[in-house]
Amino acid sequence: MTPQQLEDRQLETRVTALEAELSQVKKLLSSFAQTETVNPSWMKYAGVFKDDADFLEIMQEIRVERDLDDESEVDPSYYS
């Protein structure tokens, strides 16, 4: 076997191994993508505060603070 044939054979072996690894990665990514689209993990928390009066009160307080026209926390030098 010539050195060129030996090198070609080594390259073929490496390409075959890389193709097998790529196939495994594609399968892994495919199964992950399907799992996420079918049942996203965050969905188990959706609606957890639906009927929680305390949470509603807190959200209303936050909304009121957010909607205030109070600029006391704004440093006027920032806009100079």
PDB file of N, CA and C in Angstrom:
ATOM      1  N   MET A   1       0.856  -1.178   0.000  1.00  0.00           N
ATOM      2  CA  MET A   1       0.000   0.000   0.000  1.00  0.00           C
ATOM      3  C   MET A   1       0.903   1.242   0.000  1.00  0.00           C
ATOM      4  N   THR A   2       0.608   2.132  -0.917  1.00  0.00           N
ATOM      5  CA  THR A   2       1.426   3.337  -1.041  1.00  0.00           C
ATOM      6  C   THR A   2       1.053   4.331   0.056  1.00  0.00           C
ATOM      7  N   PRO A   3       1.916   5.286   0.331  1.00  0.00           N
ATOM      8  CA  PRO A   3       1.601   6.303   1.349  1.00  0.00           C
ATOM      9  C   PRO A   3       0.318   7.081   1.013  1.00  0.00           C
ATOM     10  N   GLN A   4       0.101   7.324  -0.272  1.00  0.00           N
ATOM     11  CA  GLN A   4      -1.112   8.045  -0.679  1.00  0.00           C
ATOM     12  C   GLN A   4      -2.365   7.213  -0.396  1.00  0.00           C
ATOM     13  N   GLN A   5      -2.298   5.924  -0.676  1.00  0.00           N
ATOM     14  CA  GLN A   5      -3.436   5.035  -0.410  1.00  0.00           C
ATOM     15  C   GLN A   5      -3.702   4.948   1.088  1.00  0.00           C
ATOM     16  N   LEU A   6      -2.621   4.902   1.869  1.00  0.00           N
ATOM     17  CA  LEU A   6      -2.757   4.849   3.327  1.00  0.00           C
ATOM     18  C   LEU A   6      -3.422   6.128   3.837  1.00  0.00           C
ATOM     19  N   GLU A   7      -2.978   7.266   3.311  1.00  0.00           N
ATOM     20  CA  GLU A   7      -3.569   8.544   3.717  1.00  0.00           C
ATOM     21  C   GLU A   7      -5.041   8.608   3.308  1.00  0.00           C
ATOM     22  N   ASP A   8      -5.351   8.143   2.100  1.00  0.00           N
ATOM     23  CA  ASP A   8      -6.750   8.124   1.632  1.00  0.00           C
ATOM     24  C   ASP A   8      -7.619   7.246   2.534  1.00  0.00           C
ATOM     25  N   ARG A   9      -7.092   6.118   2.914  1.00  0.00           N
ATOM     26  CA  ARG A   9      -7.843   5.195   3.768  1.00  0.00           C
ATOM     27  C   ARG A   9      -8.076   5.818   5.153  1.00  0.00           C
ATOM     28  N   GLN A  10      -7.059   6.502   5.690  1.00  0.00           N
ATOM     29  CA  GLN A  10      -7.210   7.167   6.983  1.00  0.00           C
ATOM     30  C   GLN A  10      -8.257   8.272   6.899  1.00  0.00           C
ATOM     31  N   LEU A  11      -8.236   9.028   5.796  1.00  0.00           N
ATOM     32  CA  LEU A  11      -9.226  10.082   5.606  1.00  0.00           C
ATOM     33  C   LEU A  11     -10.639   9.499   5.516  1.00  0.00           C
ATOM     34  N   GLU A  12     -10.779   8.401   4.789  1.00  0.00           N
ATOM     35  CA  GLU A  12     -12.087   7.760   4.675  1.00  0.00           C
ATOM     36  C   GLU A  12     -12.588   7.296   6.039  1.00  0.00           C
ATOM     37  N   THR A  13     -11.691   6.772   6.844  1.00  0.00           N
ATOM     38  CA  THR A  13     -12.059   6.323   8.187  1.00  0.00           C
ATOM     39  C   THR A  13     -12.506   7.504   9.041  1.00  0.00           C
ATOM     40  N   ARG A  14     -11.782   8.594   8.947  1.00  0.00           N
ATOM     41  CA  ARG A  14     -12.143   9.796   9.716  1.00  0.00           C
ATOM     42  C   ARG A  14     -13.478  10.366   9.255  1.00  0.00           C
ATOM     43  N   VAL A  15     -13.694  10.399   7.939  1.00  0.00           N
ATOM     44  CA  VAL A  15     -14.957  10.917   7.396  1.00  0.00           C
ATOM     45  C   VAL A  15     -16.118  10.039   7.849  1.00  0.00           C
ATOM     46  N   THR A  16     -15.941   8.737   7.822  1.00  0.00           N
ATOM     47  CA  THR A  16     -16.989   7.816   8.270  1.00  0.00           C
ATOM     48  C   THR A  16     -17.321   8.039   9.738  1.00  0.00           C
ATOM     49  N   ALA A  17     -16.287   8.211  10.556  1.00  0.00           N
ATOM     50  CA  ALA A  17     -16.513   8.454  11.986  1.00  0.00           C
ATOM     51  C   ALA A  17     -17.228   9.782  12.203  1.00  0.00           C
ATOM     52  N   LEU A  18     -16.832  10.813  11.461  1.00  0.00           N
ATOM     53  CA  LEU A  18     -17.482  12.124  11.592  1.00  0.00           C
ATOM     54  C   LEU A  18     -18.934  12.074  11.123  1.00  0.00           C
ATOM     55  N   GLU A  19     -19.195  11.337  10.060  1.00  0.00           N
ATOM     56  CA  GLU A  19     -20.577  11.204   9.582  1.00  0.00           C
ATOM     57  C   GLU A  19     -21.447  10.495  10.620  1.00  0.00           C
ATOM     58  N   ALA A  20     -20.906   9.479  11.270  1.00  0.00           N
ATOM     59  CA  ALA A  20     -21.656   8.778  12.306  1.00  0.00           C
ATOM     60  C   ALA A  20     -21.933   9.704  13.488  1.00  0.00           C
ATOM     61  N   GLU A  21     -20.937  10.490  13.885  1.00  0.00           N
ATOM     62  CA  GLU A  21     -21.119  11.429  14.993  1.00  0.00           C
ATOM     63  C   GLU A  21     -22.125  12.513  14.630  1.00  0.00           C
ATOM     64  N   LEU A  22     -22.053  13.016  13.407  1.00  0.00           N
ATOM     65  CA  LEU A  22     -23.000  14.017  12.942  1.00  0.00           C
ATOM     66  C   LEU A  22     -24.424  13.462  12.951  1.00  0.00           C
ATOM     67  N   SER A  23     -24.577  12.231  12.556  1.00  0.00           N
ATOM     68  CA  SER A  23     -25.895  11.596  12.577  1.00  0.00           C
ATOM     69  C   SER A  23     -26.446  11.525  13.999  1.00  0.00           C
ATOM     70  N   GLN A  24     -25.607  11.184  14.955  1.00  0.00           N
ATOM     71  CA  GLN A  24     -26.037  11.127  16.353  1.00  0.00           C
ATOM     72  C   GLN A  24     -26.438  12.506  16.860  1.00  0.00           C
ATOM     73  N   VAL A  25     -25.670  13.530  16.509  1.00  0.00           N
ATOM     74  CA  VAL A  25     -25.980  14.895  16.939  1.00  0.00           C
ATOM     75  C   VAL A  25     -27.306  15.345  16.334  1.00  0.00           C
ATOM     76  N   LYS A  26     -27.531  15.043  15.061  1.00  0.00           N
ATOM     77  CA  LYS A  26     -28.790  15.411  14.411  1.00  0.00           C
ATOM     78  C   LYS A  26     -29.976  14.736  15.096  1.00  0.00           C
ATOM     79  N   LYS A  27     -29.824  13.472  15.450  1.00  0.00           N
ATOM     80  CA  LYS A  27     -30.906  12.766  16.146  1.00  0.00           C
ATOM     81  C   LYS A  27     -31.182  13.408  17.504  1.00  0.00           C
ATOM     82  N   LEU A  28     -30.136  13.739  18.205  1.00  0.00           N
ATOM     83  CA  LEU A  28     -30.281  14.368  19.517  1.00  0.00           C
ATOM     84  C   LEU A  28     -30.986  15.718  19.396  1.00  0.00           C
ATOM     85  N   LEU A  29     -30.545  16.539  18.461  1.00  0.00           N
ATOM     86  CA  LEU A  29     -31.162  17.846  18.263  1.00  0.00           C
ATOM     87  C   LEU A  29     -32.604  17.719  17.806  1.00  0.00           C
ATOM     88  N   SER A  30     -32.869  16.754  16.970  1.00  0.00           N
ATOM     89  CA  SER A  30     -34.225  16.541  16.476  1.00  0.00           C
ATOM     90  C   SER A  30     -35.161  16.162  17.615  1.00  0.00           C
ATOM     91  N   SER A  31     -34.736  15.260  18.472  1.00  0.00           N
ATOM     92  CA  SER A  31     -35.596  14.845  19.586  1.00  0.00           C
ATOM     93  C   SER A  31     -35.780  15.994  20.578  1.00  0.00           C
ATOM     94  N   PHE A  32     -34.751  16.799  20.781  1.00  0.00           N
ATOM     95  CA  PHE A  32     -34.860  17.944  21.679  1.00  0.00           C
ATOM     96  C   PHE A  32     -35.833  18.966  21.119  1.00  0.00           C
ATOM     97  N   ALA A  33     -35.728  19.261  19.837  1.00  0.00           N
ATOM     98  CA  ALA A  33     -36.604  20.252  19.206  1.00  0.00           C
ATOM     99  C   ALA A  33     -38.056  19.801  19.271  1.00  0.00           C
ATOM    100  N   GLN A  34     -38.317  18.538  19.040  1.00  0.00           N
ATOM    101  CA  GLN A  34     -39.686  18.028  19.097  1.00  0.00           C
ATOM    102  C   GLN A  34     -40.240  18.095  20.508  1.00  0.00           C
ATOM    103  N   THR A  35     -39.436  17.784  21.492  1.00  0.00           N
ATOM    104  CA  THR A  35     -39.874  17.828  22.884  1.00  0.00           C
ATOM    105  C   THR A  35     -40.234  19.254  23.281  1.00  0.00           C
ATOM    106  N   GLU A  36     -39.400  20.203  22.894  1.00  0.00           N
ATOM    107  CA  GLU A  36     -39.643  21.590  23.270  1.00  0.00           C
ATOM    108  C   GLU A  36     -40.889  22.160  22.604  1.00  0.00           C
ATOM    109  N   THR A  37     -41.142  21.803  21.357  1.00  0.00           N
ATOM    110  CA  THR A  37     -42.301  22.367  20.673  1.00  0.00           C
ATOM    111  C   THR A  37     -43.590  21.707  21.144  1.00  0.00           C
ATOM    112  N   VAL A  38     -43.532  20.457  21.517  1.00  0.00           N
ATOM    113  CA  VAL A  38     -44.728  19.755  21.972  1.00  0.00           C
ATOM    114  C   VAL A  38     -45.094  20.180  23.393  1.00  0.00           C
ATOM    115  N   ASN A  39     -44.122  20.241  24.276  1.00  0.00           N
ATOM    116  CA  ASN A  39     -44.405  20.521  25.672  1.00  0.00           C
ATOM    117  C   ASN A  39     -43.307  21.399  26.273  1.00  0.00           C
ATOM    118  N   PRO A  40     -43.368  22.725  26.059  1.00  0.00           N
ATOM    119  CA  PRO A  40     -42.342  23.594  26.640  1.00  0.00           C
ATOM    120  C   PRO A  40     -42.328  23.487  28.166  1.00  0.00           C
ATOM    121  N   SER A  41     -41.141  23.450  28.740  1.00  0.00           N
ATOM    122  CA  SER A  41     -41.010  23.234  30.180  1.00  0.00           C
ATOM    123  C   SER A  41     -41.652  24.347  30.998  1.00  0.00           C
ATOM    124  N   TRP A  42     -41.678  25.579  30.481  1.00  0.00           N
ATOM    125  CA  TRP A  42     -42.236  26.692  31.252  1.00  0.00           C
ATOM    126  C   TRP A  42     -43.757  26.638  31.334  1.00  0.00           C
ATOM    127  N   MET A  43     -44.395  25.839  30.489  1.00  0.00           N
ATOM    128  CA  MET A  43     -45.856  25.773  30.481  1.00  0.00           C
ATOM    129  C   MET A  43     -46.414  25.209  31.791  1.00  0.00           C
ATOM    130  N   LYS A  44     -45.645  24.433  32.519  1.00  0.00           N
ATOM    131  CA  LYS A  44     -46.159  23.889  33.775  1.00  0.00           C
ATOM    132  C   LYS A  44     -46.387  24.986  34.811  1.00  0.00           C
ATOM    133  N   TYR A  45     -45.793  26.175  34.584  1.00  0.00           N
ATOM    134  CA  TYR A  45     -45.981  27.294  35.499  1.00  0.00           C
ATOM    135  C   TYR A  45     -47.028  28.296  35.013  1.00  0.00           C
ATOM    136  N   ALA A  46     -47.480  28.129  33.792  1.00  0.00           N
ATOM    137  CA  ALA A  46     -48.464  29.072  33.242  1.00  0.00           C
ATOM    138  C   ALA A  46     -49.744  29.014  34.068  1.00  0.00           C
ATOM    139  N   GLY A  47     -50.216  30.167  34.474  1.00  0.00           N
ATOM    140  CA  GLY A  47     -51.462  30.244  35.226  1.00  0.00           C
ATOM    141  C   GLY A  47     -51.340  29.949  36.700  1.00  0.00           C
ATOM    142  N   VAL A  48     -50.137  29.814  37.213  1.00  0.00           N
ATOM    143  CA  VAL A  48     -49.957  29.453  38.612  1.00  0.00           C
ATOM    144  C   VAL A  48     -50.513  30.529  39.554  1.00  0.00           C
ATOM    145  N   PHE A  49     -50.550  31.788  39.111  1.00  0.00           N
ATOM    146  CA  PHE A  49     -51.077  32.873  39.944  1.00  0.00           C
ATOM    147  C   PHE A  49     -52.460  33.328  39.483  1.00  0.00           C
ATOM    148  N   LYS A  50     -53.142  32.502  38.721  1.00  0.00           N
ATOM    149  CA  LYS A  50     -54.410  32.879  38.101  1.00  0.00           C
ATOM    150  C   LYS A  50     -55.426  33.450  39.091  1.00  0.00           C
ATOM    151  N   ASP A  51     -55.671  32.781  40.157  1.00  0.00           N
ATOM    152  CA  ASP A  51     -56.693  33.216  41.119  1.00  0.00           C
ATOM    153  C   ASP A  51     -56.082  33.673  42.442  1.00  0.00           C
ATOM    154  N   ASP A  52     -54.848  34.150  42.401  1.00  0.00           N
ATOM    155  CA  ASP A  52     -54.148  34.559  43.615  1.00  0.00           C
ATOM    156  C   ASP A  52     -54.370  36.060  43.851  1.00  0.00           C
ATOM    157  N   ALA A  53     -55.157  36.398  44.871  1.00  0.00           N
ATOM    158  CA  ALA A  53     -55.495  37.790  45.175  1.00  0.00           C
ATOM    159  C   ALA A  53     -54.251  38.595  45.569  1.00  0.00           C
ATOM    160  N   ASP A  54     -53.337  37.973  46.295  1.00  0.00           N
ATOM    161  CA  ASP A  54     -52.113  38.673  46.698  1.00  0.00           C
ATOM    162  C   ASP A  54     -51.281  39.058  45.473  1.00  0.00           C
ATOM    163  N   PHE A  55     -51.154  38.134  44.533  1.00  0.00           N
ATOM    164  CA  PHE A  55     -50.399  38.411  43.316  1.00  0.00           C
ATOM    165  C   PHE A  55     -51.060  39.536  42.519  1.00  0.00           C
ATOM    166  N   LEU A  56     -52.371  39.503  42.418  1.00  0.00           N
ATOM    167  CA  LEU A  56     -53.103  40.553  41.705  1.00  0.00           C
ATOM    168  C   LEU A  56     -52.855  41.919  42.351  1.00  0.00           C
ATOM    169  N   GLU A  57     -52.884  41.961  43.673  1.00  0.00           N
ATOM    170  CA  GLU A  57     -52.640  43.221  44.381  1.00  0.00           C
ATOM    171  C   GLU A  57     -51.224  43.747  44.104  1.00  0.00           C
ATOM    172  N   ILE A  58     -50.262  42.858  44.164  1.00  0.00           N
ATOM    173  CA  ILE A  58     -48.879  43.252  43.905  1.00  0.00           C
ATOM    174  C   ILE A  58     -48.735  43.772  42.479  1.00  0.00           C
ATOM    175  N   MET A  59     -49.340  43.098  41.529  1.00  0.00           N
ATOM    176  CA  MET A  59     -49.257  43.538  40.134  1.00  0.00           C
ATOM    177  C   MET A  59     -49.908  44.911  39.940  1.00  0.00           C
ATOM    178  N   GLN A  60     -51.004  45.143  40.640  1.00  0.00           N
ATOM    179  CA  GLN A  60     -51.660  46.452  40.540  1.00  0.00           C
ATOM    180  C   GLN A  60     -50.765  47.550  41.118  1.00  0.00           C
ATOM    181  N   GLU A  61     -50.109  47.276  42.232  1.00  0.00           N
ATOM    182  CA  GLU A  61     -49.192  48.245  42.829  1.00  0.00           C
ATOM    183  C   GLU A  61     -48.019  48.543  41.899  1.00  0.00           C
ATOM    184  N   ILE A  62     -47.484  47.523  41.275  1.00  0.00           N
ATOM    185  CA  ILE A  62     -46.381  47.709  40.335  1.00  0.00           C
ATOM    186  C   ILE A  62     -46.839  48.544  39.147  1.00  0.00           C
ATOM    187  N   ARG A  63     -48.024  48.252  38.644  1.00  0.00           N
ATOM    188  CA  ARG A  63     -48.556  48.999  37.498  1.00  0.00           C
ATOM    189  C   ARG A  63     -48.747  50.478  37.841  1.00  0.00           C
ATOM    190  N   VAL A  64     -49.258  50.760  39.054  1.00  0.00           N
ATOM    191  CA  VAL A  64     -49.456  52.144  39.488  1.00  0.00           C
ATOM    192  C   VAL A  64     -48.114  52.859  39.556  1.00  0.00           C
ATOM    193  N   GLU A  65     -47.102  52.213  40.145  1.00  0.00           N
ATOM    194  CA  GLU A  65     -45.776  52.826  40.233  1.00  0.00           C
ATOM    195  C   GLU A  65     -45.187  53.070  38.853  1.00  0.00           C
ATOM    196  N   ARG A  66     -45.371  52.139  37.968  1.00  0.00           N
ATOM    197  CA  ARG A  66     -44.828  52.257  36.621  1.00  0.00           C
ATOM    198  C   ARG A  66     -45.475  53.410  35.860  1.00  0.00           C
ATOM    199  N   ASP A  67     -46.758  53.640  36.104  1.00  0.00           N
ATOM    200  CA  ASP A  67     -47.501  54.662  35.378  1.00  0.00           C
ATOM    201  C   ASP A  67     -47.396  56.060  35.986  1.00  0.00           C
ATOM    202  N   LEU A  68     -46.722  56.195  37.116  1.00  0.00           N
ATOM    203  CA  LEU A  68     -46.565  57.511  37.736  1.00  0.00           C
ATOM    204  C   LEU A  68     -45.735  58.428  36.849  1.00  0.00           C
ATOM    205  N   ASP A  69     -46.066  59.703  36.870  1.00  0.00           N
ATOM    206  CA  ASP A  69     -45.286  60.695  36.132  1.00  0.00           C
ATOM    207  C   ASP A  69     -44.198  61.296  37.015  1.00  0.00           C
ATOM    208  N   ASP A  70     -43.882  60.612  38.086  1.00  0.00           N
ATOM    209  CA  ASP A  70     -42.898  61.083  39.054  1.00  0.00           C
ATOM    210  C   ASP A  70     -41.497  60.917  38.473  1.00  0.00           C
ATOM    211  N   GLU A  71     -40.771  62.008  38.364  1.00  0.00           N
ATOM    212  CA  GLU A  71     -39.417  61.950  37.824  1.00  0.00           C
ATOM    213  C   GLU A  71     -38.380  62.192  38.915  1.00  0.00           C
ATOM    214  N   SER A  72     -38.746  61.962  40.158  1.00  0.00           N
ATOM    215  CA  SER A  72     -37.841  62.240  41.263  1.00  0.00           C
ATOM    216  C   SER A  72     -36.597  61.352  41.230  1.00  0.00           C
ATOM    217  N   GLU A  73     -36.666  60.191  40.606  1.00  0.00           N
ATOM    218  CA  GLU A  73     -35.522  59.315  40.560  1.00  0.00           C
ATOM    219  C   GLU A  73     -34.630  59.577  39.351  1.00  0.00           C
ATOM    220  N   VAL A  74     -35.043  60.480  38.482  1.00  0.00           N
ATOM    221  CA  VAL A  74     -34.268  60.786  37.294  1.00  0.00           C
ATOM    222  C   VAL A  74     -33.278  61.890  37.628  1.00  0.00           C
ATOM    223  N   ASP A  75     -32.029  61.645  37.331  1.00  0.00           N
ATOM    224  CA  ASP A  75     -30.983  62.631  37.567  1.00  0.00           C
ATOM    225  C   ASP A  75     -30.973  63.619  36.402  1.00  0.00           C
ATOM    226  N   PRO A  76     -31.320  64.903  36.659  1.00  0.00           N
ATOM    227  CA  PRO A  76     -31.413  65.875  35.570  1.00  0.00           C
ATOM    228  C   PRO A  76     -30.080  66.099  34.837  1.00  0.00           C
ATOM    229  N   SER A  77     -28.972  65.873  35.521  1.00  0.00           N
ATOM    230  CA  SER A  77     -27.669  66.069  34.869  1.00  0.00           C
ATOM    231  C   SER A  77     -27.432  65.052  33.750  1.00  0.00           C
ATOM    232  N   TYR A  78     -28.159  63.973  33.804  1.00  0.00           N
ATOM    233  CA  TYR A  78     -28.027  62.938  32.776  1.00  0.00           C
ATOM    234  C   TYR A  78     -28.440  63.472  31.403  1.00  0.00           C
ATOM    235  N   TYR A  79     -29.402  64.400  31.396  1.00  0.00           N
ATOM    236  CA  TYR A  79     -29.941  64.935  30.151  1.00  0.00           C
ATOM    237  C   TYR A  79     -29.290  66.246  29.730  1.00  0.00           C
ATOM    238  N   SER A  80     -28.308  66.706  30.463  1.00  0.00           N
ATOM    239  CA  SER A  80     -27.645  67.987  30.136  1.00  0.00           C
ATOM    240  C   SER A  80     -26.537  67.801  29.147  1.00  0.00           C
TER     241      SER A  80
END
